[in-house]
Amino acid sequence: MDSIGKRVSLIRSKLNMSQYDLSESIGVSQKTISQWEVDKSDPSADALQKICSSLSISANWLLLGKGDMFLSGEEENTALTSNTLLNIRIGKCTPTAIFIEAYNYAPEKDPHGRLKETIKKDMEKFLKNVLENFKQLSISMEKKYSAYSSK
């Protein structure tokens, strides 16, 4: 299974669920499920979490295709709370932590041999953009406050 979308399709197949059934259980549209399955879009972190928690699916398997599809009883209780990738929510996890976690979970030997390098480059680009945005905000605020102090 090369993609998350293909793994979503396999989950439905194994559980004899229609796209509609899955969409109802996780609160997205049937069209959204269809787009995931043909790799036109990827599920959000919230949707991934709902798939895993509502269907007892391993986050490691859904995200990376590693391990077993279904969680065992003990794993079920701890997998989602210990997996930072599925706890990504605005304000709860920084983008830096997401990149670090993705880098740490990336297999040493991925099919194309470039996954960790790609994650590293994306992280560098992200941090460069954050720094540039911070500089621009700082300049803007400095101009705003200097205008007040000169009055």
N, C-alpha and C. Protein backbone atom coordinates (compact mmCIF):
# COMPACT_ATOMS: atom_id res chain seq x y z
N MET A 1 0.84 -1.18 0.00
CA MET A 1 0.00 0.00 0.00
C MET A 1 0.89 1.25 0.00
N ASP A 2 0.82 1.98 -1.07
CA ASP A 2 1.69 3.13 -1.22
C ASP A 2 1.19 4.41 -0.59
N SER A 3 -0.09 4.54 -0.37
CA SER A 3 -0.60 5.82 0.11
C SER A 3 -1.63 5.63 1.22
N ILE A 4 -1.85 6.72 1.94
CA ILE A 4 -2.87 6.71 2.98
C ILE A 4 -4.23 6.44 2.35
N GLY A 5 -4.48 7.05 1.19
CA GLY A 5 -5.75 6.85 0.50
C GLY A 5 -6.02 5.39 0.17
N LYS A 6 -5.00 4.69 -0.29
CA LYS A 6 -5.16 3.26 -0.60
C LYS A 6 -5.41 2.47 0.67
N ARG A 7 -4.77 2.88 1.77
CA ARG A 7 -5.00 2.19 3.04
C ARG A 7 -6.40 2.46 3.58
N VAL A 8 -6.92 3.66 3.36
CA VAL A 8 -8.31 3.96 3.75
C VAL A 8 -9.26 3.05 2.98
N SER A 9 -9.00 2.89 1.70
CA SER A 9 -9.83 2.00 0.87
C SER A 9 -9.76 0.56 1.38
N LEU A 10 -8.58 0.11 1.75
CA LEU A 10 -8.42 -1.25 2.27
C LEU A 10 -9.16 -1.42 3.60
N ILE A 11 -9.11 -0.41 4.45
CA ILE A 11 -9.85 -0.46 5.72
C ILE A 11 -11.33 -0.69 5.45
N ARG A 12 -11.88 0.11 4.54
CA ARG A 12 -13.30 -0.03 4.22
C ARG A 12 -13.60 -1.43 3.70
N SER A 13 -12.73 -1.92 2.84
CA SER A 13 -12.93 -3.25 2.25
C SER A 13 -12.93 -4.32 3.35
N LYS A 14 -11.95 -4.25 4.24
CA LYS A 14 -11.84 -5.25 5.32
C LYS A 14 -13.05 -5.20 6.26
N LEU A 15 -13.60 -4.01 6.45
CA LEU A 15 -14.72 -3.84 7.38
C LEU A 15 -16.08 -3.85 6.67
N ASN A 16 -16.08 -4.14 5.38
CA ASN A 16 -17.31 -4.15 4.58
C ASN A 16 -18.09 -2.84 4.74
N MET A 17 -17.38 -1.74 4.64
CA MET A 17 -18.00 -0.42 4.77
C MET A 17 -18.04 0.27 3.41
N SER A 18 -19.08 1.00 3.17
CA SER A 18 -19.13 1.84 1.97
C SER A 18 -18.43 3.16 2.30
N GLN A 19 -18.17 3.95 1.26
CA GLN A 19 -17.61 5.27 1.50
C GLN A 19 -18.56 6.08 2.37
N TYR A 20 -19.85 5.92 2.11
CA TYR A 20 -20.85 6.64 2.89
C TYR A 20 -20.78 6.24 4.37
N ASP A 21 -20.66 4.93 4.64
CA ASP A 21 -20.58 4.45 6.02
C ASP A 21 -19.39 5.09 6.75
N LEU A 22 -18.24 5.08 6.09
CA LEU A 22 -17.05 5.66 6.71
C LEU A 22 -17.21 7.15 6.91
N SER A 23 -17.77 7.81 5.89
CA SER A 23 -17.94 9.26 6.00
C SER A 23 -18.84 9.63 7.18
N GLU A 24 -19.89 8.85 7.38
CA GLU A 24 -20.80 9.09 8.51
C GLU A 24 -20.11 8.84 9.85
N SER A 25 -19.25 7.84 9.91
CA SER A 25 -18.62 7.50 11.19
C SER A 25 -17.53 8.49 11.60
N ILE A 26 -16.95 9.21 10.64
CA ILE A 26 -15.89 10.16 11.02
C ILE A 26 -16.25 11.61 10.74
N GLY A 27 -17.45 11.85 10.19
CA GLY A 27 -17.93 13.22 10.04
C GLY A 27 -17.36 14.00 8.86
N VAL A 28 -17.11 13.32 7.75
CA VAL A 28 -16.71 14.00 6.52
C VAL A 28 -17.65 13.57 5.41
N SER A 29 -17.56 14.22 4.27
CA SER A 29 -18.45 13.85 3.17
C SER A 29 -17.95 12.60 2.44
N GLN A 30 -18.86 11.95 1.75
CA GLN A 30 -18.50 10.79 0.94
C GLN A 30 -17.52 11.21 -0.15
N LYS A 31 -17.70 12.40 -0.70
CA LYS A 31 -16.79 12.90 -1.74
C LYS A 31 -15.36 13.03 -1.20
N THR A 32 -15.25 13.44 0.05
CA THR A 32 -13.93 13.56 0.68
C THR A 32 -13.25 12.20 0.75
N ILE A 33 -13.99 11.20 1.17
CA ILE A 33 -13.44 9.83 1.24
C ILE A 33 -12.98 9.41 -0.15
N SER A 34 -13.80 9.66 -1.15
CA SER A 34 -13.46 9.31 -2.53
C SER A 34 -12.16 10.00 -2.97
N GLN A 35 -12.01 11.27 -2.63
CA GLN A 35 -10.80 12.00 -3.01
C GLN A 35 -9.56 11.44 -2.33
N TRP A 36 -9.71 11.01 -1.07
CA TRP A 36 -8.57 10.38 -0.40
C TRP A 36 -8.16 9.11 -1.12
N GLU A 37 -9.16 8.30 -1.45
CA GLU A 37 -8.89 6.98 -2.00
C GLU A 37 -8.27 7.02 -3.40
N VAL A 38 -8.48 8.10 -4.11
CA VAL A 38 -7.83 8.23 -5.43
C VAL A 38 -6.64 9.19 -5.35
N ASP A 39 -6.22 9.47 -4.13
CA ASP A 39 -5.04 10.29 -3.86
C ASP A 39 -5.11 11.71 -4.43
N LYS A 40 -6.33 12.27 -4.46
CA LYS A 40 -6.48 13.66 -4.87
C LYS A 40 -6.29 14.59 -3.68
N SER A 41 -6.47 14.08 -2.47
CA SER A 41 -6.23 14.85 -1.26
C SER A 41 -5.89 13.87 -0.14
N ASP A 42 -5.40 14.42 0.95
CA ASP A 42 -5.05 13.60 2.11
C ASP A 42 -5.96 13.94 3.28
N PRO A 43 -6.22 12.97 4.13
CA PRO A 43 -7.04 13.24 5.31
C PRO A 43 -6.35 14.23 6.24
N SER A 44 -7.13 15.04 6.93
CA SER A 44 -6.58 15.95 7.93
C SER A 44 -6.15 15.12 9.15
N ALA A 45 -5.38 15.75 10.02
CA ALA A 45 -4.97 15.07 11.25
C ALA A 45 -6.19 14.64 12.06
N ASP A 46 -7.21 15.50 12.08
CA ASP A 46 -8.44 15.18 12.82
C ASP A 46 -9.13 13.96 12.22
N ALA A 47 -9.20 13.90 10.89
CA ALA A 47 -9.83 12.74 10.23
C ALA A 47 -9.02 11.47 10.48
N LEU A 48 -7.70 11.57 10.44
CA LEU A 48 -6.85 10.40 10.72
C LEU A 48 -7.10 9.90 12.13
N GLN A 49 -7.19 10.83 13.07
CA GLN A 49 -7.43 10.44 14.46
C GLN A 49 -8.79 9.75 14.60
N LYS A 50 -9.80 10.29 13.92
CA LYS A 50 -11.13 9.69 14.00
C LYS A 50 -11.16 8.31 13.37
N ILE A 51 -10.48 8.13 12.25
CA ILE A 51 -10.42 6.80 11.61
C ILE A 51 -9.79 5.81 12.58
N CYS A 52 -8.65 6.19 13.15
CA CYS A 52 -7.95 5.28 14.06
C CYS A 52 -8.76 4.97 15.31
N SER A 53 -9.31 6.00 15.92
CA SER A 53 -10.01 5.76 17.19
C SER A 53 -11.35 5.06 17.00
N SER A 54 -12.08 5.42 15.96
CA SER A 54 -13.41 4.82 15.81
C SER A 54 -13.36 3.40 15.24
N LEU A 55 -12.29 3.07 14.52
CA LEU A 55 -12.22 1.75 13.89
C LEU A 55 -11.11 0.86 14.44
N SER A 56 -10.44 1.32 15.50
CA SER A 56 -9.32 0.58 16.13
C SER A 56 -8.22 0.26 15.11
N ILE A 57 -7.84 1.29 14.34
CA ILE A 57 -6.80 1.15 13.34
C ILE A 57 -5.49 1.68 13.91
N SER A 58 -4.39 1.01 13.61
CA SER A 58 -3.07 1.46 14.04
C SER A 58 -2.67 2.71 13.27
N ALA A 59 -2.29 3.75 14.01
CA ALA A 59 -1.83 4.99 13.38
C ALA A 59 -0.57 4.73 12.56
N ASN A 60 0.31 3.90 13.08
CA ASN A 60 1.54 3.57 12.37
C ASN A 60 1.23 2.92 11.02
N TRP A 61 0.25 2.03 11.00
CA TRP A 61 -0.13 1.38 9.75
C TRP A 61 -0.80 2.38 8.80
N LEU A 62 -1.72 3.18 9.32
CA LEU A 62 -2.45 4.11 8.45
C LEU A 62 -1.51 5.15 7.85
N LEU A 63 -0.61 5.70 8.66
CA LEU A 63 0.28 6.75 8.18
C LEU A 63 1.45 6.23 7.36
N LEU A 64 2.04 5.13 7.80
CA LEU A 64 3.29 4.66 7.18
C LEU A 64 3.20 3.30 6.50
N GLY A 65 2.08 2.60 6.71
CA GLY A 65 1.96 1.26 6.14
C GLY A 65 2.79 0.23 6.88
N LYS A 66 3.17 0.52 8.12
CA LYS A 66 4.02 -0.38 8.92
C LYS A 66 3.19 -1.06 10.01
N GLY A 67 3.49 -2.32 10.28
CA GLY A 67 2.82 -3.05 11.35
C GLY A 67 1.47 -3.57 10.92
N ASP A 68 0.66 -3.90 11.93
CA ASP A 68 -0.67 -4.45 11.69
C ASP A 68 -1.69 -3.34 11.49
N MET A 69 -2.70 -3.64 10.67
CA MET A 69 -3.76 -2.67 10.42
C MET A 69 -4.56 -2.37 11.70
N PHE A 70 -4.96 -3.44 12.38
CA PHE A 70 -5.82 -3.27 13.56
C PHE A 70 -5.01 -3.31 14.84
N LEU A 71 -5.45 -2.53 15.82
CA LEU A 71 -4.79 -2.50 17.11
C LEU A 71 -5.21 -3.68 17.96
N SER A 72 -4.28 -4.16 18.77
CA SER A 72 -4.64 -5.16 19.77
C SER A 72 -5.25 -4.41 20.94
N GLY A 73 -5.84 -5.11 21.88
CA GLY A 73 -6.52 -4.47 23.01
C GLY A 73 -5.64 -3.50 23.78
N GLU A 74 -4.41 -3.88 24.10
CA GLU A 74 -3.52 -3.01 24.87
C GLU A 74 -3.08 -1.80 24.06
N GLU A 75 -2.77 -2.03 22.79
CA GLU A 75 -2.36 -0.93 21.92
C GLU A 75 -3.49 0.08 21.77
N GLU A 76 -4.70 -0.42 21.74
CA GLU A 76 -5.87 0.44 21.55
C GLU A 76 -5.93 1.54 22.60
N ASN A 77 -5.52 1.21 23.82
CA ASN A 77 -5.61 2.17 24.91
C ASN A 77 -4.53 3.24 24.87
N THR A 78 -3.38 2.94 24.25
CA THR A 78 -2.25 3.88 24.31
C THR A 78 -1.82 4.46 22.98
N ALA A 79 -2.13 3.84 21.87
CA ALA A 79 -1.57 4.25 20.58
C ALA A 79 -1.86 5.69 20.22
N LEU A 80 -3.10 6.11 20.31
CA LEU A 80 -3.43 7.46 19.85
C LEU A 80 -2.91 8.53 20.78
N THR A 81 -2.89 8.27 22.09
CA THR A 81 -2.39 9.30 22.98
C THR A 81 -0.89 9.42 22.90
N SER A 82 -0.18 8.38 22.52
CA SER A 82 1.27 8.45 22.46
C SER A 82 1.77 8.85 21.08
N ASN A 83 0.92 8.92 20.09
CA ASN A 83 1.36 9.23 18.73
C ASN A 83 1.14 10.70 18.42
N THR A 84 2.20 11.47 18.48
CA THR A 84 2.13 12.91 18.26
C THR A 84 1.52 13.24 16.91
N LEU A 85 1.79 12.42 15.90
CA LEU A 85 1.27 12.72 14.57
C LEU A 85 -0.24 12.80 14.54
N LEU A 86 -0.90 12.05 15.41
CA LEU A 86 -2.36 12.09 15.41
C LEU A 86 -2.94 13.06 16.44
N ASN A 87 -2.08 13.66 17.22
CA ASN A 87 -2.55 14.66 18.18
C ASN A 87 -2.34 16.07 17.66
N ILE A 88 -2.06 16.18 16.37
CA ILE A 88 -1.83 17.49 15.77
C ILE A 88 -3.15 18.22 15.67
N ARG A 89 -3.24 19.30 16.36
CA ARG A 89 -4.40 20.17 16.29
C ARG A 89 -3.88 21.59 16.44
N ILE A 90 -4.55 22.51 15.86
CA ILE A 90 -4.12 23.90 15.97
C ILE A 90 -4.00 24.26 17.44
N GLY A 91 -2.85 24.78 17.81
CA GLY A 91 -2.62 25.21 19.19
C GLY A 91 -2.16 24.12 20.12
N LYS A 92 -2.17 22.88 19.70
CA LYS A 92 -1.76 21.80 20.58
C LYS A 92 -0.42 21.19 20.19
N CYS A 93 0.02 21.44 18.99
CA CYS A 93 1.27 20.85 18.53
C CYS A 93 1.92 21.83 17.56
N THR A 94 3.17 22.15 17.80
CA THR A 94 3.84 23.12 16.93
C THR A 94 4.25 22.45 15.62
N PRO A 95 4.33 23.23 14.56
CA PRO A 95 4.81 22.66 13.29
C PRO A 95 6.20 22.05 13.42
N THR A 96 7.04 22.64 14.25
CA THR A 96 8.39 22.10 14.45
C THR A 96 8.31 20.69 15.01
N ALA A 97 7.44 20.49 16.00
CA ALA A 97 7.27 19.16 16.59
C ALA A 97 6.76 18.16 15.55
N ILE A 98 5.89 18.62 14.67
CA ILE A 98 5.36 17.76 13.62
C ILE A 98 6.49 17.28 12.71
N PHE A 99 7.34 18.21 12.28
CA PHE A 99 8.45 17.84 11.41
C PHE A 99 9.41 16.89 12.10
N ILE A 100 9.71 17.17 13.36
CA ILE A 100 10.62 16.30 14.10
C ILE A 100 10.04 14.89 14.23
N GLU A 101 8.76 14.83 14.55
CA GLU A 101 8.10 13.52 14.70
C GLU A 101 8.08 12.78 13.36
N ALA A 102 7.76 13.49 12.30
CA ALA A 102 7.74 12.86 10.96
C ALA A 102 9.13 12.35 10.61
N TYR A 103 10.16 13.13 10.91
CA TYR A 103 11.53 12.72 10.62
C TYR A 103 11.89 11.47 11.41
N ASN A 104 11.51 11.46 12.69
CA ASN A 104 11.82 10.30 13.53
C ASN A 104 11.08 9.05 13.11
N TYR A 105 9.87 9.20 12.57
CA TYR A 105 9.09 8.05 12.14
C TYR A 105 9.46 7.57 10.74
N ALA A 106 10.15 8.42 9.99
CA ALA A 106 10.50 8.04 8.62
C ALA A 106 11.43 6.83 8.66
N PRO A 107 11.15 5.83 7.85
CA PRO A 107 12.01 4.65 7.84
C PRO A 107 13.39 4.99 7.28
N GLU A 108 14.39 4.32 7.78
CA GLU A 108 15.75 4.55 7.29
C GLU A 108 15.86 4.28 5.79
N LYS A 109 15.19 3.22 5.36
CA LYS A 109 15.22 2.88 3.93
C LYS A 109 13.80 2.94 3.38
N ASP A 110 13.46 4.11 2.84
CA ASP A 110 12.14 4.23 2.24
C ASP A 110 12.25 3.85 0.76
N PRO A 111 11.12 3.61 0.10
CA PRO A 111 11.16 3.12 -1.29
C PRO A 111 11.99 3.97 -2.24
N HIS A 112 11.99 5.29 -2.03
CA HIS A 112 12.72 6.17 -2.94
C HIS A 112 14.02 6.67 -2.34
N GLY A 113 14.28 6.35 -1.09
CA GLY A 113 15.51 6.74 -0.44
C GLY A 113 15.64 8.23 -0.18
N ARG A 114 14.52 8.97 -0.24
CA ARG A 114 14.60 10.42 -0.09
C ARG A 114 13.69 10.99 0.98
N LEU A 115 12.97 10.18 1.70
CA LEU A 115 11.96 10.68 2.62
C LEU A 115 12.54 11.58 3.70
N LYS A 116 13.57 11.12 4.40
CA LYS A 116 14.15 11.94 5.47
C LYS A 116 14.74 13.23 4.92
N GLU A 117 15.38 13.15 3.77
CA GLU A 117 15.95 14.36 3.16
C GLU A 117 14.86 15.35 2.78
N THR A 118 13.74 14.85 2.27
CA THR A 118 12.62 15.72 1.90
C THR A 118 12.03 16.39 3.14
N ILE A 119 11.86 15.62 4.21
CA ILE A 119 11.33 16.18 5.46
C ILE A 119 12.27 17.26 5.98
N LYS A 120 13.57 16.98 5.94
CA LYS A 120 14.56 17.95 6.41
C LYS A 120 14.50 19.24 5.59
N LYS A 121 14.43 19.13 4.28
CA LYS A 121 14.34 20.31 3.41
C LYS A 121 13.06 21.09 3.67
N ASP A 122 11.94 20.37 3.83
CA ASP A 122 10.67 21.03 4.13
C ASP A 122 10.74 21.79 5.46
N MET A 123 11.38 21.18 6.44
CA MET A 123 11.53 21.82 7.75
C MET A 123 12.37 23.08 7.62
N GLU A 124 13.47 23.00 6.88
CA GLU A 124 14.33 24.17 6.69
C GLU A 124 13.57 25.29 5.99
N LYS A 125 12.79 24.94 4.96
CA LYS A 125 12.01 25.94 4.23
C LYS A 125 10.96 26.56 5.15
N PHE A 126 10.31 25.74 5.95
CA PHE A 126 9.29 26.23 6.89
C PHE A 126 9.92 27.21 7.89
N LEU A 127 11.05 26.82 8.48
CA LEU A 127 11.69 27.68 9.47
C LEU A 127 12.17 28.99 8.85
N LYS A 128 12.65 28.92 7.63
CA LYS A 128 13.08 30.13 6.91
C LYS A 128 11.88 31.06 6.71
N ASN A 129 10.73 30.51 6.34
CA ASN A 129 9.51 31.32 6.17
C ASN A 129 9.05 31.92 7.49
N VAL A 130 9.11 31.13 8.56
CA VAL A 130 8.72 31.63 9.88
C VAL A 130 9.62 32.80 10.28
N LEU A 131 10.91 32.64 10.08
CA LEU A 131 11.86 33.69 10.42
C LEU A 131 11.59 34.95 9.60
N GLU A 132 11.34 34.80 8.31
CA GLU A 132 11.05 35.94 7.45
C GLU A 132 9.75 36.63 7.88
N ASN A 133 8.72 35.84 8.18
CA ASN A 133 7.46 36.42 8.66
C ASN A 133 7.64 37.16 9.98
N PHE A 134 8.46 36.58 10.85
CA PHE A 134 8.72 37.21 12.14
C PHE A 134 9.45 38.54 11.94
N LYS A 135 10.43 38.56 11.04
CA LYS A 135 11.16 39.80 10.75
C LYS A 135 10.21 40.87 10.21
N GLN A 136 9.34 40.48 9.30
CA GLN A 136 8.41 41.44 8.71
C GLN A 136 7.42 41.95 9.77
N LEU A 137 6.96 41.08 10.62
CA LEU A 137 6.06 41.50 11.70
C LEU A 137 6.78 42.45 12.64
N SER A 138 8.00 42.14 12.96
CA SER A 138 8.80 42.98 13.84
C SER A 138 8.99 44.38 13.25
N ILE A 139 9.31 44.44 11.96
CA ILE A 139 9.48 45.73 11.27
C ILE A 139 8.17 46.50 11.28
N SER A 140 7.09 45.82 10.98
CA SER A 140 5.77 46.45 10.95
C SER A 140 5.40 47.02 12.32
N MET A 141 5.63 46.23 13.36
CA MET A 141 5.30 46.69 14.72
C MET A 141 6.21 47.85 15.13
N GLU A 142 7.47 47.79 14.75
CA GLU A 142 8.40 48.87 15.07
C GLU A 142 7.94 50.18 14.43
N LYS A 143 7.51 50.12 13.17
CA LYS A 143 7.01 51.31 12.47
C LYS A 143 5.75 51.84 13.16
N LYS A 144 4.87 50.93 13.52
CA LYS A 144 3.60 51.32 14.17
C LYS A 144 3.85 52.03 15.49
N TYR A 145 4.73 51.44 16.32
CA TYR A 145 4.99 52.02 17.62
C TYR A 145 5.87 53.25 17.55
N SER A 146 6.73 53.33 16.56
CA SER A 146 7.55 54.55 16.43
C SER A 146 6.67 55.73 16.00
N ALA A 147 5.61 55.43 15.24
CA ALA A 147 4.67 56.49 14.83
C ALA A 147 3.94 57.03 16.06
N TYR A 148 3.59 56.17 17.02
CA TYR A 148 2.93 56.60 18.25
C TYR A 148 3.87 57.41 19.14
N SER A 149 5.11 56.97 19.22
CA SER A 149 6.04 57.65 20.11
C SER A 149 6.49 59.00 19.59
N SER A 150 6.39 59.22 18.28
CA SER A 150 6.81 60.49 17.71
C SER A 150 5.72 61.55 17.79
N LYS A 151 4.51 61.19 18.21
CA LYS A 151 3.40 62.16 18.31
C LYS A 151 3.47 62.96 19.56
